[in-house]
Amino acid sequence: MPLAKVVRLDALPPGTMTEARVNGQSYVVANAGGEIHALGGVCPHRGASLAHGALHGSSIVCPWHAWEFDCRSGEHDFDPSIRLARVPVRLADGDIYIEVP
């Protein structure tokens, strides 16, 4: 899969997240305690941009209705059958890249 550069690592300190738009798709890239994770960036509940929510530890909280997803697995906190697609992340030369279809 092709790689897309999304953000500099130093622009995403621990405890923060950002939105990346690649090929018309939205992704959320999170730095949870120094570990970088990328997932589909739209909440499956009502379509909110997850990057506009909050990151609490490893939980991404949707800004509209407070749905929570584990950024390590993509799973919803109460119903693991609901999950965000995980996107492979690569780090190179201080940049964060995601693998996109």
N, C-alpha and C. Protein backbone atom coordinates (compact mmCIF):
# COMPACT_ATOMS: atom_id res chain seq x y z
N MET A 1 0.84 -1.19 0.00
CA MET A 1 0.00 0.00 0.00
C MET A 1 0.89 1.25 0.00
N PRO A 2 0.42 2.29 -0.65
CA PRO A 2 1.21 3.52 -0.66
C PRO A 2 1.21 4.21 0.70
N LEU A 3 2.29 4.93 0.97
CA LEU A 3 2.40 5.70 2.21
C LEU A 3 2.05 7.15 1.94
N ALA A 4 1.38 7.79 2.90
CA ALA A 4 1.06 9.20 2.81
C ALA A 4 1.62 9.89 4.05
N LYS A 5 2.44 10.92 3.84
CA LYS A 5 2.97 11.70 4.97
C LYS A 5 1.82 12.54 5.52
N VAL A 6 1.62 12.45 6.86
CA VAL A 6 0.48 13.16 7.44
C VAL A 6 0.88 14.29 8.39
N VAL A 7 1.97 14.14 9.13
CA VAL A 7 2.36 15.17 10.10
C VAL A 7 3.77 14.89 10.59
N ARG A 8 4.44 15.93 11.05
CA ARG A 8 5.75 15.76 11.70
C ARG A 8 5.51 15.20 13.10
N LEU A 9 6.37 14.30 13.52
CA LEU A 9 6.25 13.69 14.84
C LEU A 9 6.31 14.75 15.94
N ASP A 10 7.18 15.75 15.78
CA ASP A 10 7.30 16.77 16.83
C ASP A 10 6.09 17.71 16.88
N ALA A 11 5.22 17.65 15.89
CA ALA A 11 3.98 18.45 15.90
C ALA A 11 2.82 17.70 16.56
N LEU A 12 3.08 16.47 17.01
CA LEU A 12 2.04 15.65 17.63
C LEU A 12 2.56 15.12 18.97
N PRO A 13 2.62 15.98 19.99
CA PRO A 13 3.14 15.54 21.28
C PRO A 13 2.20 14.52 21.94
N PRO A 14 2.73 13.76 22.91
CA PRO A 14 1.87 12.79 23.62
C PRO A 14 0.62 13.47 24.18
N GLY A 15 -0.50 12.75 24.04
CA GLY A 15 -1.78 13.25 24.53
C GLY A 15 -2.54 14.09 23.53
N THR A 16 -2.05 14.15 22.29
CA THR A 16 -2.73 14.94 21.26
C THR A 16 -3.09 14.07 20.07
N MET A 17 -3.94 14.61 19.22
CA MET A 17 -4.30 13.93 17.98
C MET A 17 -4.59 14.98 16.92
N THR A 18 -4.60 14.54 15.67
CA THR A 18 -4.84 15.43 14.56
C THR A 18 -5.60 14.69 13.47
N GLU A 19 -6.20 15.47 12.59
CA GLU A 19 -6.90 14.88 11.44
C GLU A 19 -5.96 14.87 10.25
N ALA A 20 -6.01 13.80 9.50
CA ALA A 20 -5.29 13.70 8.23
C ALA A 20 -6.30 13.37 7.15
N ARG A 21 -6.26 14.13 6.06
CA ARG A 21 -7.15 13.85 4.93
C ARG A 21 -6.28 13.38 3.78
N VAL A 22 -6.56 12.16 3.32
CA VAL A 22 -5.79 11.56 2.24
C VAL A 22 -6.76 10.95 1.24
N ASN A 23 -6.64 11.35 -0.01
CA ASN A 23 -7.51 10.81 -1.07
C ASN A 23 -8.99 10.93 -0.72
N GLY A 24 -9.37 12.05 -0.11
CA GLY A 24 -10.77 12.28 0.21
C GLY A 24 -11.26 11.56 1.45
N GLN A 25 -10.39 10.84 2.15
CA GLN A 25 -10.77 10.12 3.36
C GLN A 25 -10.20 10.82 4.58
N SER A 26 -10.94 10.75 5.68
CA SER A 26 -10.51 11.35 6.94
C SER A 26 -9.94 10.27 7.85
N TYR A 27 -8.81 10.59 8.48
CA TYR A 27 -8.17 9.70 9.44
C TYR A 27 -7.86 10.51 10.69
N VAL A 28 -7.84 9.85 11.84
CA VAL A 28 -7.40 10.48 13.07
C VAL A 28 -6.07 9.83 13.44
N VAL A 29 -5.08 10.67 13.72
CA VAL A 29 -3.74 10.20 14.11
C VAL A 29 -3.53 10.67 15.54
N ALA A 30 -3.27 9.71 16.44
CA ALA A 30 -3.17 10.01 17.87
C ALA A 30 -1.82 9.59 18.43
N ASN A 31 -1.33 10.40 19.35
CA ASN A 31 -0.13 10.06 20.10
C ASN A 31 -0.56 9.76 21.52
N ALA A 32 -0.70 8.48 21.82
CA ALA A 32 -1.14 8.03 23.14
C ALA A 32 0.09 7.57 23.92
N GLY A 33 0.60 8.45 24.76
CA GLY A 33 1.75 8.09 25.59
C GLY A 33 3.00 7.77 24.80
N GLY A 34 3.18 8.40 23.67
CA GLY A 34 4.37 8.16 22.85
C GLY A 34 4.17 7.11 21.77
N GLU A 35 3.04 6.43 21.77
CA GLU A 35 2.72 5.46 20.71
C GLU A 35 1.79 6.12 19.70
N ILE A 36 2.14 6.03 18.43
CA ILE A 36 1.36 6.66 17.37
C ILE A 36 0.38 5.65 16.79
N HIS A 37 -0.88 6.07 16.70
CA HIS A 37 -1.95 5.23 16.15
C HIS A 37 -2.73 6.02 15.11
N ALA A 38 -3.22 5.34 14.10
CA ALA A 38 -4.08 5.98 13.09
C ALA A 38 -5.29 5.10 12.86
N LEU A 39 -6.44 5.76 12.73
CA LEU A 39 -7.71 5.05 12.54
C LEU A 39 -8.59 5.86 11.61
N GLY A 40 -9.66 5.22 11.15
CA GLY A 40 -10.67 5.96 10.40
C GLY A 40 -11.11 7.14 11.23
N GLY A 41 -11.26 8.30 10.63
CA GLY A 41 -11.46 9.53 11.38
C GLY A 41 -12.89 9.98 11.57
N VAL A 42 -13.87 9.15 11.19
CA VAL A 42 -15.27 9.53 11.30
C VAL A 42 -15.99 8.59 12.27
N CYS A 43 -16.70 9.16 13.22
CA CYS A 43 -17.44 8.34 14.19
C CYS A 43 -18.57 7.60 13.47
N PRO A 44 -18.69 6.29 13.68
CA PRO A 44 -19.75 5.53 13.02
C PRO A 44 -21.15 5.84 13.55
N HIS A 45 -21.24 6.53 14.67
CA HIS A 45 -22.55 6.84 15.25
C HIS A 45 -23.29 7.89 14.44
N ARG A 46 -22.69 9.08 14.28
CA ARG A 46 -23.36 10.17 13.57
C ARG A 46 -22.44 10.94 12.62
N GLY A 47 -21.23 10.43 12.40
CA GLY A 47 -20.36 11.03 11.39
C GLY A 47 -19.50 12.19 11.83
N ALA A 48 -19.32 12.37 13.14
CA ALA A 48 -18.47 13.46 13.62
C ALA A 48 -17.01 13.19 13.31
N SER A 49 -16.25 14.26 13.16
CA SER A 49 -14.80 14.15 12.99
C SER A 49 -14.19 13.85 14.35
N LEU A 50 -13.59 12.67 14.49
CA LEU A 50 -13.02 12.27 15.77
C LEU A 50 -11.83 13.13 16.17
N ALA A 51 -11.13 13.70 15.21
CA ALA A 51 -9.98 14.54 15.52
C ALA A 51 -10.39 15.81 16.26
N HIS A 52 -11.68 16.17 16.20
CA HIS A 52 -12.16 17.34 16.93
C HIS A 52 -12.63 16.98 18.33
N GLY A 53 -12.47 15.71 18.69
CA GLY A 53 -12.84 15.26 20.03
C GLY A 53 -11.66 15.37 20.97
N ALA A 54 -11.58 14.45 21.91
CA ALA A 54 -10.52 14.48 22.92
C ALA A 54 -9.82 13.13 22.98
N LEU A 55 -8.58 13.17 23.43
CA LEU A 55 -7.81 11.95 23.66
C LEU A 55 -7.55 11.86 25.16
N HIS A 56 -8.10 10.82 25.80
CA HIS A 56 -7.90 10.59 27.23
C HIS A 56 -7.17 9.26 27.37
N GLY A 57 -5.87 9.32 27.64
CA GLY A 57 -5.08 8.10 27.69
C GLY A 57 -5.04 7.48 26.32
N SER A 58 -5.64 6.31 26.18
CA SER A 58 -5.71 5.66 24.86
C SER A 58 -7.13 5.70 24.28
N SER A 59 -8.00 6.50 24.89
CA SER A 59 -9.39 6.59 24.41
C SER A 59 -9.62 7.87 23.61
N ILE A 60 -10.14 7.69 22.40
CA ILE A 60 -10.57 8.81 21.58
C ILE A 60 -12.05 9.03 21.88
N VAL A 61 -12.41 10.25 22.25
CA VAL A 61 -13.78 10.57 22.62
C VAL A 61 -14.40 11.44 21.53
N CYS A 62 -15.51 10.97 20.98
CA CYS A 62 -16.20 11.71 19.92
C CYS A 62 -16.73 13.03 20.47
N PRO A 63 -16.58 14.13 19.71
CA PRO A 63 -17.01 15.43 20.21
C PRO A 63 -18.53 15.61 20.25
N TRP A 64 -19.28 14.82 19.53
CA TRP A 64 -20.73 15.03 19.48
C TRP A 64 -21.49 14.31 20.56
N HIS A 65 -21.25 13.01 20.75
CA HIS A 65 -22.06 12.23 21.69
C HIS A 65 -21.22 11.40 22.65
N ALA A 66 -19.92 11.72 22.73
CA ALA A 66 -19.00 11.11 23.71
C ALA A 66 -18.81 9.61 23.54
N TRP A 67 -19.03 9.09 22.34
CA TRP A 67 -18.67 7.70 22.11
C TRP A 67 -17.15 7.59 22.25
N GLU A 68 -16.67 6.49 22.84
CA GLU A 68 -15.24 6.32 23.06
C GLU A 68 -14.72 5.10 22.32
N PHE A 69 -13.52 5.27 21.76
CA PHE A 69 -12.85 4.21 21.01
C PHE A 69 -11.41 4.08 21.50
N ASP A 70 -10.96 2.85 21.67
CA ASP A 70 -9.57 2.61 22.04
C ASP A 70 -8.70 2.82 20.80
N CYS A 71 -7.76 3.75 20.87
CA CYS A 71 -6.96 4.05 19.69
C CYS A 71 -5.99 2.92 19.34
N ARG A 72 -5.76 1.97 20.26
CA ARG A 72 -4.87 0.85 19.97
C ARG A 72 -5.57 -0.25 19.18
N SER A 73 -6.86 -0.42 19.39
CA SER A 73 -7.60 -1.50 18.73
C SER A 73 -8.70 -1.01 17.81
N GLY A 74 -9.16 0.22 18.03
CA GLY A 74 -10.29 0.77 17.29
C GLY A 74 -11.63 0.42 17.88
N GLU A 75 -11.64 -0.39 18.96
CA GLU A 75 -12.90 -0.87 19.54
C GLU A 75 -13.63 0.21 20.33
N HIS A 76 -14.98 0.19 20.20
CA HIS A 76 -15.86 1.02 21.01
C HIS A 76 -15.77 0.53 22.44
N ASP A 77 -15.88 1.44 23.42
CA ASP A 77 -15.66 1.05 24.81
C ASP A 77 -16.74 0.14 25.38
N PHE A 78 -17.99 0.23 24.91
CA PHE A 78 -19.05 -0.63 25.44
C PHE A 78 -19.42 -1.78 24.51
N ASP A 79 -19.19 -1.62 23.23
CA ASP A 79 -19.57 -2.65 22.26
C ASP A 79 -18.41 -2.92 21.31
N PRO A 80 -17.56 -3.91 21.62
CA PRO A 80 -16.38 -4.17 20.81
C PRO A 80 -16.68 -4.58 19.36
N SER A 81 -17.95 -4.89 19.06
CA SER A 81 -18.28 -5.21 17.67
C SER A 81 -18.31 -3.95 16.81
N ILE A 82 -18.38 -2.79 17.46
CA ILE A 82 -18.30 -1.51 16.75
C ILE A 82 -16.85 -1.07 16.84
N ARG A 83 -16.24 -0.88 15.69
CA ARG A 83 -14.83 -0.51 15.72
C ARG A 83 -14.46 0.37 14.56
N LEU A 84 -13.45 1.17 14.78
CA LEU A 84 -12.87 2.00 13.73
C LEU A 84 -11.80 1.19 13.01
N ALA A 85 -11.67 1.42 11.73
CA ALA A 85 -10.62 0.73 10.97
C ALA A 85 -9.26 1.26 11.42
N ARG A 86 -8.34 0.35 11.73
CA ARG A 86 -6.97 0.74 12.07
C ARG A 86 -6.17 0.89 10.79
N VAL A 87 -5.27 1.84 10.80
CA VAL A 87 -4.45 2.15 9.63
C VAL A 87 -2.99 2.00 10.04
N PRO A 88 -2.21 1.22 9.28
CA PRO A 88 -0.79 1.06 9.63
C PRO A 88 -0.05 2.39 9.59
N VAL A 89 0.83 2.57 10.59
CA VAL A 89 1.62 3.79 10.74
C VAL A 89 3.10 3.45 10.54
N ARG A 90 3.82 4.36 9.90
CA ARG A 90 5.26 4.24 9.75
C ARG A 90 5.89 5.56 10.18
N LEU A 91 7.02 5.49 10.86
CA LEU A 91 7.78 6.67 11.24
C LEU A 91 9.09 6.66 10.47
N ALA A 92 9.44 7.80 9.88
CA ALA A 92 10.70 7.90 9.15
C ALA A 92 11.16 9.35 9.14
N ASP A 93 12.40 9.57 9.54
CA ASP A 93 13.02 10.90 9.48
C ASP A 93 12.18 11.96 10.18
N GLY A 94 11.54 11.62 11.29
CA GLY A 94 10.77 12.58 12.05
C GLY A 94 9.38 12.84 11.51
N ASP A 95 8.97 12.08 10.51
CA ASP A 95 7.63 12.24 9.92
C ASP A 95 6.77 11.02 10.23
N ILE A 96 5.46 11.26 10.31
CA ILE A 96 4.49 10.17 10.48
C ILE A 96 3.82 9.93 9.14
N TYR A 97 3.82 8.68 8.73
CA TYR A 97 3.18 8.25 7.48
C TYR A 97 2.11 7.23 7.81
N ILE A 98 1.04 7.21 7.02
CA ILE A 98 0.04 6.14 7.15
C ILE A 98 -0.06 5.42 5.82
N GLU A 99 -0.39 4.12 5.89
CA GLU A 99 -0.61 3.33 4.69
C GLU A 99 -2.06 3.51 4.27
N VAL A 100 -2.27 3.93 3.05
CA VAL A 100 -3.62 4.16 2.56
C VAL A 100 -3.89 3.32 1.32
N PRO A 101 -5.16 2.93 1.13
CA PRO A 101 -5.49 2.14 -0.07
C PRO A 101 -5.41 2.99 -1.34
